[in-house]
Amino acid sequence: MKKIFASIVLSAVTLLAAAQNILDFKTIEDVVKNEKEYFNDIMQIYRNDDPMIRIDDIALVYYGHAFTEAYNPGNNENEKAIKELYEQGKYEEAYNTAVKVLETNPVSLNALFYAWRTAESTGKDKSISQPYVKKYLGIIGMIMEYGDGKRTDTALKVICPDDQDHVLYSGLKLTQEYSRQLDTETLCNIISVEPTEEYNSRRVYFDLSLYLMHAAK
């Protein structure tokens, strides 16, 4: 997977923000649970690939998914099967499986990535693959807007452990990883990497708090 990610040019991803925005998970939870009509409206905007969608809309959809009943990271059998099908060259089956995952988890970076790649591998029209590309890049760009990953207080916040790889390889374009260690106090995963000219840090901090709190229930 690392080689696949490293080969992708993500020119559309937003550059690291100079002044990081702040995410309020409590507010997002309140919107999802108490303002369902509004949340569903934003979700529909996201699903429809509205060109006017804002970065905070993408944040609401992505992080808001962690407060829905459908949130079940790491336990979706179809999502587990996508990579295996792809590596076996069963692109059409992998594509159909990815699309099925996106029906219940529209922010799955794994499913978006493989839906994109398999749509291209099976020769589908760009009008089919491009919406997956847009959503994939949009989520990664949003995550990078809300943190730079260089400290615990500016950690990159993800709702699924697998999303770390997508941000590392497709977003930050880091190719050499040495170790991973979870800080149980901050609920941040600390990944040691080889710094690059664009990312001049030997550590990348990922906030896994939403995932870990869900897993502990």
N, C-alpha and C. Protein backbone atom coordinates (compact mmCIF):
# COMPACT_ATOMS: atom_id res chain seq x y z
N MET A 1 0.82 -1.20 0.00
CA MET A 1 0.00 0.00 0.00
C MET A 1 0.86 1.25 0.00
N LYS A 2 1.98 1.21 0.71
CA LYS A 2 2.84 2.38 0.80
C LYS A 2 3.31 2.81 -0.58
N LYS A 3 3.68 1.83 -1.43
CA LYS A 3 4.17 2.16 -2.76
C LYS A 3 3.08 2.80 -3.60
N ILE A 4 1.84 2.32 -3.41
CA ILE A 4 0.72 2.89 -4.16
C ILE A 4 0.53 4.34 -3.77
N PHE A 5 0.50 4.60 -2.46
CA PHE A 5 0.29 5.95 -1.98
C PHE A 5 1.40 6.88 -2.44
N ALA A 6 2.63 6.41 -2.33
CA ALA A 6 3.78 7.27 -2.63
C ALA A 6 3.79 7.72 -4.07
N SER A 7 3.13 6.99 -4.95
CA SER A 7 3.16 7.32 -6.38
C SER A 7 2.11 8.34 -6.77
N ILE A 8 1.24 8.68 -5.84
CA ILE A 8 0.12 9.56 -6.18
C ILE A 8 0.51 11.02 -6.02
N VAL A 9 0.18 11.82 -6.98
CA VAL A 9 0.44 13.25 -6.91
C VAL A 9 -0.84 13.92 -6.44
N LEU A 10 -0.78 14.55 -5.28
CA LEU A 10 -1.98 15.16 -4.71
C LEU A 10 -1.91 16.68 -4.81
N SER A 11 -1.90 17.17 -6.01
CA SER A 11 -1.78 18.61 -6.21
C SER A 11 -2.98 19.35 -5.68
N ALA A 12 -4.10 18.64 -5.53
CA ALA A 12 -5.32 19.32 -5.10
C ALA A 12 -5.43 19.44 -3.59
N VAL A 13 -4.57 18.75 -2.86
CA VAL A 13 -4.66 18.81 -1.41
C VAL A 13 -4.24 20.17 -0.89
N THR A 14 -5.02 20.70 0.02
CA THR A 14 -4.71 22.01 0.60
C THR A 14 -3.39 21.96 1.35
N LEU A 15 -2.58 23.01 1.22
CA LEU A 15 -1.31 23.08 1.93
C LEU A 15 -1.55 23.21 3.42
N LEU A 16 -0.55 22.83 4.20
CA LEU A 16 -0.67 22.94 5.65
C LEU A 16 -1.00 24.38 6.03
N ALA A 17 -2.01 24.53 6.84
CA ALA A 17 -2.44 25.88 7.22
C ALA A 17 -1.43 26.53 8.14
N ALA A 18 -1.19 27.80 7.92
CA ALA A 18 -0.26 28.54 8.76
C ALA A 18 -0.84 28.70 10.16
N ALA A 19 -2.12 29.01 10.22
CA ALA A 19 -2.79 29.14 11.51
C ALA A 19 -3.83 28.02 11.59
N GLN A 20 -3.59 27.05 12.46
CA GLN A 20 -4.44 25.88 12.51
C GLN A 20 -5.82 26.22 13.08
N ASN A 21 -6.86 25.65 12.45
CA ASN A 21 -8.21 25.78 12.96
C ASN A 21 -8.37 24.84 14.15
N ILE A 22 -9.43 25.05 14.89
CA ILE A 22 -9.67 24.24 16.08
C ILE A 22 -10.93 23.42 15.89
N LEU A 23 -10.87 22.13 16.19
CA LEU A 23 -12.02 21.26 16.10
C LEU A 23 -12.66 21.11 17.47
N ASP A 24 -13.97 21.18 17.52
CA ASP A 24 -14.70 20.99 18.77
C ASP A 24 -15.57 19.74 18.60
N PHE A 25 -15.07 18.61 19.08
CA PHE A 25 -15.80 17.36 18.91
C PHE A 25 -17.15 17.37 19.62
N LYS A 26 -17.23 18.09 20.74
CA LYS A 26 -18.50 18.16 21.48
C LYS A 26 -19.56 18.84 20.63
N THR A 27 -19.19 19.93 19.98
CA THR A 27 -20.14 20.64 19.12
C THR A 27 -20.57 19.77 17.96
N ILE A 28 -19.60 19.07 17.37
CA ILE A 28 -19.91 18.17 16.26
C ILE A 28 -20.87 17.07 16.71
N GLU A 29 -20.62 16.51 17.88
CA GLU A 29 -21.52 15.48 18.42
C GLU A 29 -22.93 16.03 18.62
N ASP A 30 -23.02 17.25 19.14
CA ASP A 30 -24.33 17.87 19.38
C ASP A 30 -25.09 18.07 18.06
N VAL A 31 -24.37 18.48 17.04
CA VAL A 31 -25.01 18.68 15.73
C VAL A 31 -25.54 17.36 15.19
N VAL A 32 -24.72 16.32 15.25
CA VAL A 32 -25.11 15.01 14.72
C VAL A 32 -26.32 14.47 15.45
N LYS A 33 -26.36 14.62 16.77
CA LYS A 33 -27.42 14.01 17.57
C LYS A 33 -28.64 14.89 17.74
N ASN A 34 -28.45 16.21 17.71
CA ASN A 34 -29.56 17.11 18.01
C ASN A 34 -30.01 17.99 16.85
N GLU A 35 -29.19 18.04 15.80
CA GLU A 35 -29.54 18.82 14.60
C GLU A 35 -29.45 17.89 13.39
N LYS A 36 -30.20 16.81 13.47
CA LYS A 36 -30.10 15.75 12.46
C LYS A 36 -30.44 16.23 11.06
N GLU A 37 -31.43 17.10 10.94
CA GLU A 37 -31.81 17.60 9.62
C GLU A 37 -30.67 18.38 8.98
N TYR A 38 -30.02 19.22 9.79
CA TYR A 38 -28.88 19.99 9.28
C TYR A 38 -27.73 19.07 8.90
N PHE A 39 -27.43 18.10 9.76
CA PHE A 39 -26.34 17.17 9.48
C PHE A 39 -26.63 16.39 8.20
N ASN A 40 -27.87 15.93 8.04
CA ASN A 40 -28.23 15.19 6.84
C ASN A 40 -28.13 16.05 5.59
N ASP A 41 -28.45 17.33 5.72
CA ASP A 41 -28.35 18.25 4.58
C ASP A 41 -26.88 18.40 4.15
N ILE A 42 -26.00 18.55 5.13
CA ILE A 42 -24.57 18.67 4.81
C ILE A 42 -24.04 17.36 4.23
N MET A 43 -24.52 16.24 4.76
CA MET A 43 -24.12 14.94 4.22
C MET A 43 -24.54 14.82 2.76
N GLN A 44 -25.73 15.31 2.44
CA GLN A 44 -26.20 15.23 1.06
C GLN A 44 -25.36 16.11 0.14
N ILE A 45 -24.97 17.28 0.63
CA ILE A 45 -24.08 18.16 -0.13
C ILE A 45 -22.77 17.44 -0.44
N TYR A 46 -22.25 16.76 0.58
CA TYR A 46 -21.02 15.99 0.41
C TYR A 46 -21.20 14.86 -0.60
N ARG A 47 -22.26 14.10 -0.46
CA ARG A 47 -22.49 12.97 -1.37
C ARG A 47 -22.69 13.43 -2.81
N ASN A 48 -23.27 14.62 -2.97
CA ASN A 48 -23.56 15.14 -4.31
C ASN A 48 -22.38 15.86 -4.94
N ASP A 49 -21.24 15.90 -4.24
CA ASP A 49 -20.04 16.56 -4.76
C ASP A 49 -20.30 18.01 -5.12
N ASP A 50 -21.03 18.69 -4.25
CA ASP A 50 -21.32 20.11 -4.47
C ASP A 50 -20.01 20.89 -4.51
N PRO A 51 -19.75 21.63 -5.59
CA PRO A 51 -18.49 22.38 -5.69
C PRO A 51 -18.36 23.49 -4.66
N MET A 52 -19.46 23.85 -4.02
CA MET A 52 -19.43 24.92 -3.03
C MET A 52 -19.23 24.40 -1.60
N ILE A 53 -18.99 23.10 -1.45
CA ILE A 53 -18.81 22.55 -0.11
C ILE A 53 -17.60 23.18 0.56
N ARG A 54 -17.74 23.48 1.84
CA ARG A 54 -16.69 24.18 2.59
C ARG A 54 -15.88 23.18 3.42
N ILE A 55 -14.71 23.63 3.84
CA ILE A 55 -13.82 22.77 4.62
C ILE A 55 -14.48 22.34 5.93
N ASP A 56 -15.27 23.23 6.55
CA ASP A 56 -15.92 22.87 7.80
C ASP A 56 -17.08 21.91 7.56
N ASP A 57 -17.67 21.92 6.36
CA ASP A 57 -18.69 20.94 6.02
C ASP A 57 -18.07 19.55 5.94
N ILE A 58 -16.91 19.47 5.30
CA ILE A 58 -16.21 18.18 5.19
C ILE A 58 -15.83 17.69 6.58
N ALA A 59 -15.40 18.60 7.45
CA ALA A 59 -15.04 18.23 8.82
C ALA A 59 -16.26 17.68 9.56
N LEU A 60 -17.41 18.32 9.38
CA LEU A 60 -18.62 17.86 10.05
C LEU A 60 -19.00 16.47 9.58
N VAL A 61 -18.90 16.23 8.28
CA VAL A 61 -19.26 14.92 7.72
C VAL A 61 -18.28 13.84 8.21
N TYR A 62 -16.98 14.14 8.13
CA TYR A 62 -15.96 13.15 8.50
C TYR A 62 -15.98 12.85 9.99
N TYR A 63 -15.81 13.86 10.82
CA TYR A 63 -15.77 13.62 12.27
C TYR A 63 -17.16 13.28 12.81
N GLY A 64 -18.19 13.83 12.16
CA GLY A 64 -19.55 13.52 12.60
C GLY A 64 -19.89 12.05 12.45
N HIS A 65 -19.27 11.39 11.47
CA HIS A 65 -19.53 9.96 11.28
C HIS A 65 -19.20 9.16 12.54
N ALA A 66 -18.23 9.65 13.31
CA ALA A 66 -17.81 8.95 14.53
C ALA A 66 -18.90 8.98 15.61
N PHE A 67 -19.92 9.81 15.41
CA PHE A 67 -21.01 9.90 16.39
C PHE A 67 -22.31 9.31 15.85
N THR A 68 -22.21 8.57 14.75
CA THR A 68 -23.39 7.92 14.19
C THR A 68 -23.39 6.44 14.55
N GLU A 69 -24.54 5.80 14.40
CA GLU A 69 -24.65 4.38 14.71
C GLU A 69 -23.85 3.53 13.72
N ALA A 70 -23.56 4.08 12.55
CA ALA A 70 -22.84 3.32 11.53
C ALA A 70 -21.33 3.26 11.79
N TYR A 71 -20.86 4.06 12.75
CA TYR A 71 -19.42 4.11 13.02
C TYR A 71 -18.96 2.79 13.65
N ASN A 72 -18.13 2.06 12.92
CA ASN A 72 -17.65 0.76 13.39
C ASN A 72 -16.27 0.49 12.80
N PRO A 73 -15.29 1.33 13.09
CA PRO A 73 -13.97 1.25 12.45
C PRO A 73 -13.26 -0.08 12.69
N GLY A 74 -12.74 -0.64 11.62
CA GLY A 74 -11.95 -1.86 11.73
C GLY A 74 -12.75 -3.14 11.78
N ASN A 75 -14.08 -3.03 11.78
CA ASN A 75 -14.91 -4.23 11.92
C ASN A 75 -15.81 -4.50 10.73
N ASN A 76 -15.64 -3.75 9.66
CA ASN A 76 -16.44 -3.97 8.46
C ASN A 76 -15.74 -5.00 7.57
N GLU A 77 -16.35 -6.16 7.43
CA GLU A 77 -15.72 -7.25 6.67
C GLU A 77 -15.51 -6.87 5.21
N ASN A 78 -16.44 -6.13 4.64
CA ASN A 78 -16.28 -5.70 3.25
C ASN A 78 -15.08 -4.77 3.10
N GLU A 79 -14.90 -3.88 4.08
CA GLU A 79 -13.77 -2.97 4.01
C GLU A 79 -12.45 -3.72 4.13
N LYS A 80 -12.43 -4.76 4.95
CA LYS A 80 -11.22 -5.57 5.10
C LYS A 80 -10.89 -6.30 3.79
N ALA A 81 -11.93 -6.63 3.03
CA ALA A 81 -11.73 -7.43 1.83
C ALA A 81 -11.25 -6.63 0.63
N ILE A 82 -11.46 -5.32 0.65
CA ILE A 82 -11.16 -4.49 -0.53
C ILE A 82 -9.70 -4.61 -0.95
N LYS A 83 -8.79 -4.40 -0.01
CA LYS A 83 -7.37 -4.42 -0.32
C LYS A 83 -6.95 -5.78 -0.88
N GLU A 84 -7.44 -6.86 -0.26
CA GLU A 84 -7.09 -8.20 -0.70
C GLU A 84 -7.57 -8.43 -2.13
N LEU A 85 -8.79 -8.02 -2.43
CA LEU A 85 -9.33 -8.17 -3.78
C LEU A 85 -8.51 -7.37 -4.79
N TYR A 86 -8.13 -6.17 -4.37
CA TYR A 86 -7.33 -5.31 -5.26
C TYR A 86 -5.98 -5.96 -5.56
N GLU A 87 -5.33 -6.47 -4.52
CA GLU A 87 -4.01 -7.06 -4.71
C GLU A 87 -4.07 -8.36 -5.51
N GLN A 88 -5.23 -8.99 -5.53
CA GLN A 88 -5.42 -10.20 -6.33
C GLN A 88 -5.78 -9.88 -7.77
N GLY A 89 -5.91 -8.60 -8.06
CA GLY A 89 -6.27 -8.18 -9.41
C GLY A 89 -7.74 -8.30 -9.72
N LYS A 90 -8.56 -8.51 -8.70
CA LYS A 90 -10.01 -8.62 -8.89
C LYS A 90 -10.62 -7.22 -8.77
N TYR A 91 -10.30 -6.39 -9.75
CA TYR A 91 -10.62 -4.97 -9.67
C TYR A 91 -12.12 -4.68 -9.67
N GLU A 92 -12.86 -5.37 -10.50
CA GLU A 92 -14.31 -5.11 -10.56
C GLU A 92 -14.98 -5.49 -9.24
N GLU A 93 -14.56 -6.62 -8.68
CA GLU A 93 -15.12 -7.05 -7.40
C GLU A 93 -14.70 -6.10 -6.29
N ALA A 94 -13.46 -5.64 -6.34
CA ALA A 94 -12.98 -4.69 -5.35
C ALA A 94 -13.75 -3.38 -5.47
N TYR A 95 -14.00 -2.95 -6.69
CA TYR A 95 -14.77 -1.71 -6.91
C TYR A 95 -16.17 -1.83 -6.32
N ASN A 96 -16.86 -2.91 -6.64
CA ASN A 96 -18.22 -3.09 -6.13
C ASN A 96 -18.25 -3.17 -4.61
N THR A 97 -17.23 -3.79 -4.04
CA THR A 97 -17.14 -3.88 -2.57
C THR A 97 -16.91 -2.52 -1.96
N ALA A 98 -16.04 -1.72 -2.57
CA ALA A 98 -15.77 -0.37 -2.07
C ALA A 98 -17.02 0.49 -2.13
N VAL A 99 -17.76 0.40 -3.21
CA VAL A 99 -19.00 1.17 -3.36
C VAL A 99 -20.00 0.77 -2.28
N LYS A 100 -20.05 -0.52 -1.98
CA LYS A 100 -20.97 -1.00 -0.95
C LYS A 100 -20.59 -0.44 0.42
N VAL A 101 -19.30 -0.37 0.71
CA VAL A 101 -18.84 0.20 1.98
C VAL A 101 -19.25 1.66 2.09
N LEU A 102 -19.10 2.39 0.99
CA LEU A 102 -19.39 3.83 1.00
C LEU A 102 -20.87 4.13 1.22
N GLU A 103 -21.73 3.15 1.01
CA GLU A 103 -23.16 3.36 1.26
C GLU A 103 -23.42 3.62 2.74
N THR A 104 -22.67 2.94 3.61
CA THR A 104 -22.86 3.11 5.05
C THR A 104 -21.76 3.92 5.71
N ASN A 105 -20.60 4.00 5.05
CA ASN A 105 -19.48 4.80 5.57
C ASN A 105 -18.93 5.66 4.45
N PRO A 106 -19.58 6.80 4.17
CA PRO A 106 -19.19 7.64 3.04
C PRO A 106 -17.85 8.34 3.20
N VAL A 107 -17.23 8.25 4.39
CA VAL A 107 -15.95 8.92 4.61
C VAL A 107 -14.81 7.93 4.78
N SER A 108 -15.03 6.69 4.41
CA SER A 108 -13.96 5.68 4.51
C SER A 108 -12.87 5.99 3.49
N LEU A 109 -11.70 6.36 3.96
CA LEU A 109 -10.61 6.66 3.04
C LEU A 109 -10.15 5.41 2.30
N ASN A 110 -10.22 4.26 2.97
CA ASN A 110 -9.87 3.01 2.29
C ASN A 110 -10.80 2.78 1.10
N ALA A 111 -12.10 2.89 1.34
CA ALA A 111 -13.08 2.63 0.29
C ALA A 111 -12.99 3.67 -0.83
N LEU A 112 -12.81 4.93 -0.47
CA LEU A 112 -12.69 5.98 -1.48
C LEU A 112 -11.45 5.75 -2.34
N PHE A 113 -10.33 5.39 -1.69
CA PHE A 113 -9.08 5.17 -2.41
C PHE A 113 -9.22 4.03 -3.40
N TYR A 114 -9.75 2.90 -2.93
CA TYR A 114 -9.83 1.74 -3.81
C TYR A 114 -10.96 1.86 -4.84
N ALA A 115 -12.01 2.59 -4.52
CA ALA A 115 -13.04 2.85 -5.52
C ALA A 115 -12.44 3.66 -6.66
N TRP A 116 -11.63 4.62 -6.30
CA TRP A 116 -10.92 5.45 -7.29
C TRP A 116 -9.98 4.60 -8.14
N ARG A 117 -9.10 3.86 -7.47
CA ARG A 117 -8.08 3.09 -8.19
C ARG A 117 -8.69 1.99 -9.06
N THR A 118 -9.71 1.31 -8.54
CA THR A 118 -10.30 0.23 -9.31
C THR A 118 -11.17 0.77 -10.45
N ALA A 119 -11.78 1.92 -10.26
CA ALA A 119 -12.54 2.53 -11.36
C ALA A 119 -11.61 2.83 -12.52
N GLU A 120 -10.41 3.31 -12.20
CA GLU A 120 -9.44 3.58 -13.26
C GLU A 120 -8.90 2.27 -13.85
N SER A 121 -8.65 1.29 -13.00
CA SER A 121 -8.08 0.02 -13.46
C SER A 121 -9.03 -0.74 -14.38
N THR A 122 -10.32 -0.54 -14.19
CA THR A 122 -11.30 -1.24 -15.02
C THR A 122 -11.77 -0.39 -16.19
N GLY A 123 -11.11 0.74 -16.39
CA GLY A 123 -11.40 1.57 -17.56
C GLY A 123 -12.69 2.34 -17.51
N LYS A 124 -13.20 2.57 -16.31
CA LYS A 124 -14.44 3.34 -16.20
C LYS A 124 -14.19 4.80 -16.57
N ASP A 125 -15.25 5.46 -17.00
CA ASP A 125 -15.15 6.86 -17.38
C ASP A 125 -14.71 7.71 -16.19
N LYS A 126 -14.00 8.79 -16.49
CA LYS A 126 -13.52 9.67 -15.42
C LYS A 126 -14.65 10.26 -14.60
N SER A 127 -15.82 10.37 -15.19
CA SER A 127 -16.97 10.91 -14.45
C SER A 127 -17.35 10.00 -13.29
N ILE A 128 -16.91 8.75 -13.35
CA ILE A 128 -17.16 7.80 -12.26
C ILE A 128 -16.05 7.86 -11.22
N SER A 129 -14.80 7.92 -11.68
CA SER A 129 -13.68 7.90 -10.74
C SER A 129 -13.45 9.24 -10.04
N GLN A 130 -13.70 10.34 -10.72
CA GLN A 130 -13.36 11.65 -10.18
C GLN A 130 -14.09 12.01 -8.88
N PRO A 131 -15.36 11.66 -8.70
CA PRO A 131 -16.00 11.96 -7.41
C PRO A 131 -15.29 11.30 -6.24
N TYR A 132 -14.76 10.09 -6.44
CA TYR A 132 -14.02 9.42 -5.37
C TYR A 132 -12.71 10.16 -5.10
N VAL A 133 -12.05 10.59 -6.16
CA VAL A 133 -10.80 11.35 -6.02
C VAL A 133 -11.07 12.62 -5.23
N LYS A 134 -12.12 13.34 -5.61
CA LYS A 134 -12.44 14.61 -4.96
C LYS A 134 -12.69 14.42 -3.47
N LYS A 135 -13.48 13.41 -3.13
CA LYS A 135 -13.78 13.17 -1.72
C LYS A 135 -12.53 12.74 -0.96
N TYR A 136 -11.75 11.87 -1.56
CA TYR A 136 -10.51 11.38 -0.92
C TYR A 136 -9.56 12.53 -0.63
N LEU A 137 -9.30 13.34 -1.64
CA LEU A 137 -8.39 14.48 -1.46
C LEU A 137 -8.98 15.52 -0.53
N GLY A 138 -10.30 15.69 -0.61
CA GLY A 138 -10.95 16.69 0.24
C GLY A 138 -10.83 16.35 1.71
N ILE A 139 -11.00 15.07 2.06
CA ILE A 139 -10.90 14.67 3.47
C ILE A 139 -9.47 14.81 3.96
N ILE A 140 -8.50 14.34 3.16
CA ILE A 140 -7.10 14.46 3.57
C ILE A 140 -6.70 15.92 3.71
N GLY A 141 -7.12 16.74 2.76
CA GLY A 141 -6.80 18.17 2.85
C GLY A 141 -7.41 18.81 4.09
N MET A 142 -8.65 18.40 4.42
CA MET A 142 -9.31 18.93 5.62
C MET A 142 -8.56 18.53 6.88
N ILE A 143 -8.16 17.26 6.97
CA ILE A 143 -7.42 16.79 8.15
C ILE A 143 -6.14 17.61 8.33
N MET A 144 -5.47 17.92 7.22
CA MET A 144 -4.22 18.68 7.28
C MET A 144 -4.45 20.16 7.56
N GLU A 145 -5.67 20.63 7.34
CA GLU A 145 -6.00 22.01 7.68
C GLU A 145 -6.14 22.18 9.19
N TYR A 146 -6.62 21.12 9.84
CA TYR A 146 -6.90 21.21 11.27
C TYR A 146 -5.74 20.74 12.14
N GLY A 147 -4.58 20.49 11.57
CA GLY A 147 -3.41 20.10 12.35
C GLY A 147 -2.22 19.91 11.44
N ASP A 148 -1.01 20.02 12.02
CA ASP A 148 0.19 19.76 11.22
C ASP A 148 0.91 18.50 11.65
N GLY A 149 0.46 17.89 12.76
CA GLY A 149 1.03 16.62 13.18
C GLY A 149 2.38 16.71 13.87
N LYS A 150 2.82 17.91 14.18
CA LYS A 150 4.17 18.05 14.74
C LYS A 150 4.20 18.09 16.27
N ARG A 151 3.04 18.24 16.88
CA ARG A 151 2.95 18.26 18.35
C ARG A 151 1.62 17.62 18.75
N THR A 152 1.49 17.30 20.03
CA THR A 152 0.23 16.71 20.47
C THR A 152 -0.92 17.70 20.33
N ASP A 153 -0.65 18.99 20.55
CA ASP A 153 -1.74 19.96 20.47
C ASP A 153 -2.09 20.34 19.04
N THR A 154 -1.29 19.92 18.07
CA THR A 154 -1.63 20.14 16.66
C THR A 154 -1.64 18.81 15.91
N ALA A 155 -1.98 17.75 16.64
CA ALA A 155 -2.00 16.40 16.05
C ALA A 155 -3.02 16.33 14.92
N LEU A 156 -2.75 15.47 13.97
CA LEU A 156 -3.68 15.20 12.87
C LEU A 156 -4.76 14.28 13.39
N LYS A 157 -6.00 14.69 13.32
CA LYS A 157 -7.11 13.97 13.94
C LYS A 157 -7.80 13.06 12.93
N VAL A 158 -7.81 11.77 13.23
CA VAL A 158 -8.45 10.80 12.34
C VAL A 158 -9.43 9.95 13.13
N ILE A 159 -10.42 9.39 12.42
CA ILE A 159 -11.43 8.58 13.10
C ILE A 159 -11.22 7.09 12.89
N CYS A 160 -10.20 6.73 12.12
CA CYS A 160 -9.90 5.32 11.88
C CYS A 160 -8.38 5.17 11.78
N PRO A 161 -7.79 4.17 12.44
CA PRO A 161 -6.34 3.99 12.38
C PRO A 161 -5.80 3.90 10.96
N ASP A 162 -6.53 3.26 10.05
CA ASP A 162 -6.07 3.14 8.67
C ASP A 162 -5.89 4.50 7.99
N ASP A 163 -6.64 5.48 8.46
CA ASP A 163 -6.56 6.81 7.83
C ASP A 163 -5.19 7.46 8.03
N GLN A 164 -4.47 7.00 9.04
CA GLN A 164 -3.12 7.52 9.26
C GLN A 164 -2.24 7.30 8.03
N ASP A 165 -2.33 6.12 7.44
CA ASP A 165 -1.50 5.79 6.28
C ASP A 165 -1.83 6.68 5.09
N HIS A 166 -3.11 6.94 4.91
CA HIS A 166 -3.51 7.78 3.79
C HIS A 166 -2.95 9.20 3.94
N VAL A 167 -3.00 9.71 5.15
CA VAL A 167 -2.47 11.05 5.40
C VAL A 167 -0.95 11.06 5.29
N LEU A 168 -0.31 10.04 5.85
CA LEU A 168 1.15 9.95 5.79
C LEU A 168 1.68 9.91 4.37
N TYR A 169 1.16 8.98 3.59
CA TYR A 169 1.73 8.71 2.27
C TYR A 169 1.14 9.57 1.16
N SER A 170 -0.17 9.81 1.22
CA SER A 170 -0.80 10.60 0.17
C SER A 170 -0.80 12.09 0.47
N GLY A 171 -0.92 12.44 1.75
CA GLY A 171 -0.97 13.84 2.12
C GLY A 171 0.39 14.45 2.40
N LEU A 172 1.08 13.91 3.40
CA LEU A 172 2.40 14.43 3.78
C LEU A 172 3.51 13.92 2.87
N LYS A 173 3.20 12.87 2.11
CA LYS A 173 4.15 12.29 1.15
C LYS A 173 5.43 11.80 1.83
N LEU A 174 5.25 11.19 3.01
CA LEU A 174 6.37 10.59 3.73
C LEU A 174 6.47 9.13 3.33
N THR A 175 7.65 8.67 3.04
CA THR A 175 7.82 7.31 2.54
C THR A 175 8.60 6.39 3.47
N GLN A 176 9.28 6.96 4.46
CA GLN A 176 10.10 6.12 5.36
C GLN A 176 9.58 6.23 6.78
N GLU A 177 9.06 5.13 7.29
CA GLU A 177 8.54 5.07 8.65
C GLU A 177 9.37 4.10 9.48
N TYR A 178 9.63 4.46 10.75
CA TYR A 178 10.48 3.63 11.59
C TYR A 178 9.72 2.94 12.72
N SER A 179 8.81 3.63 13.36
CA SER A 179 8.11 3.02 14.49
C SER A 179 6.82 3.78 14.79
N ARG A 180 5.95 3.10 15.56
CA ARG A 180 4.71 3.71 16.02
C ARG A 180 4.55 3.42 17.51
N GLN A 181 4.14 4.43 18.25
CA GLN A 181 3.96 4.26 19.69
C GLN A 181 2.78 5.09 20.16
N LEU A 182 1.87 4.46 20.89
CA LEU A 182 0.69 5.15 21.38
C LEU A 182 0.98 5.80 22.73
N ASP A 183 0.67 7.08 22.84
CA ASP A 183 0.76 7.80 24.10
C ASP A 183 -0.61 7.69 24.76
N THR A 184 -0.71 6.86 25.80
CA THR A 184 -2.00 6.60 26.42
C THR A 184 -2.56 7.80 27.17
N GLU A 185 -1.72 8.77 27.47
CA GLU A 185 -2.18 9.97 28.18
C GLU A 185 -2.88 10.93 27.22
N THR A 186 -2.28 11.16 26.07
CA THR A 186 -2.85 12.11 25.12
C THR A 186 -3.72 11.43 24.06
N LEU A 187 -3.68 10.08 24.01
CA LEU A 187 -4.38 9.29 23.00
C LEU A 187 -3.90 9.64 21.59
N CYS A 188 -2.61 9.98 21.52
CA CYS A 188 -1.98 10.26 20.24
C CYS A 188 -1.05 9.11 19.84
N ASN A 189 -1.10 8.73 18.59
CA ASN A 189 -0.16 7.76 18.06
C ASN A 189 1.03 8.54 17.51
N ILE A 190 2.23 8.20 17.97
CA ILE A 190 3.43 8.92 17.55
C ILE A 190 4.19 8.05 16.56
N ILE A 191 4.31 8.54 15.33
CA ILE A 191 4.97 7.78 14.28
C ILE A 191 6.30 8.44 13.94
N SER A 192 7.38 7.68 14.09
CA SER A 192 8.71 8.19 13.75
C SER A 192 8.94 8.03 12.25
N VAL A 193 9.37 9.11 11.61
CA VAL A 193 9.53 9.10 10.16
C VAL A 193 10.85 9.76 9.76
N GLU A 194 11.19 9.59 8.49
CA GLU A 194 12.32 10.31 7.91
C GLU A 194 11.79 11.64 7.40
N PRO A 195 12.27 12.75 7.94
CA PRO A 195 11.76 14.05 7.50
C PRO A 195 12.10 14.35 6.05
N THR A 196 11.32 15.21 5.45
CA THR A 196 11.57 15.65 4.08
C THR A 196 11.68 17.17 4.08
N GLU A 197 12.00 17.73 2.93
CA GLU A 197 12.10 19.18 2.82
C GLU A 197 10.75 19.83 3.10
N GLU A 198 9.68 19.15 2.69
CA GLU A 198 8.35 19.71 2.90
C GLU A 198 7.84 19.47 4.33
N TYR A 199 8.25 18.35 4.94
CA TYR A 199 7.81 18.03 6.29
C TYR A 199 9.03 17.80 7.16
N ASN A 200 9.49 18.88 7.78
CA ASN A 200 10.76 18.85 8.52
C ASN A 200 10.58 18.47 9.98
N SER A 201 10.05 17.29 10.20
CA SER A 201 9.88 16.77 11.56
C SER A 201 10.10 15.27 11.54
N ARG A 202 10.68 14.75 12.61
CA ARG A 202 10.94 13.32 12.69
C ARG A 202 9.79 12.56 13.34
N ARG A 203 8.77 13.27 13.75
CA ARG A 203 7.61 12.63 14.35
C ARG A 203 6.32 13.19 13.75
N VAL A 204 5.35 12.30 13.63
CA VAL A 204 4.01 12.71 13.21
C VAL A 204 3.04 12.25 14.30
N TYR A 205 2.29 13.18 14.85
CA TYR A 205 1.33 12.87 15.90
C TYR A 205 -0.07 12.75 15.30
N PHE A 206 -0.72 11.62 15.57
CA PHE A 206 -2.10 11.41 15.14
C PHE A 206 -3.00 11.27 16.36
N ASP A 207 -4.02 12.08 16.43
CA ASP A 207 -5.00 12.01 17.51
C ASP A 207 -6.00 10.91 17.18
N LEU A 208 -5.98 9.83 17.97
CA LEU A 208 -6.88 8.69 17.76
C LEU A 208 -7.98 8.64 18.83
N SER A 209 -8.23 9.75 19.50
CA SER A 209 -9.12 9.75 20.66
C SER A 209 -10.53 9.27 20.32
N LEU A 210 -11.10 9.71 19.19
CA LEU A 210 -12.46 9.29 18.86
C LEU A 210 -12.53 7.79 18.65
N TYR A 211 -11.54 7.24 17.96
CA TYR A 211 -11.50 5.80 17.72
C TYR A 211 -11.30 5.03 19.03
N LEU A 212 -10.35 5.47 19.86
CA LEU A 212 -10.03 4.75 21.08
C LEU A 212 -11.17 4.81 22.09
N MET A 213 -11.85 5.94 22.16
CA MET A 213 -12.98 6.04 23.08
C MET A 213 -14.13 5.15 22.62
N HIS A 214 -14.30 5.04 21.30
CA HIS A 214 -15.32 4.14 20.76
C HIS A 214 -14.97 2.69 21.05
N ALA A 215 -13.70 2.33 20.86
CA ALA A 215 -13.24 0.96 21.06
C ALA A 215 -13.34 0.53 22.52
N ALA A 216 -13.26 1.52 23.42
CA ALA A 216 -13.29 1.20 24.86
C ALA A 216 -14.71 0.98 25.38
N LYS A 217 -15.71 1.29 24.59
CA LYS A 217 -17.09 1.13 25.06
C LYS A 217 -17.48 -0.34 25.17
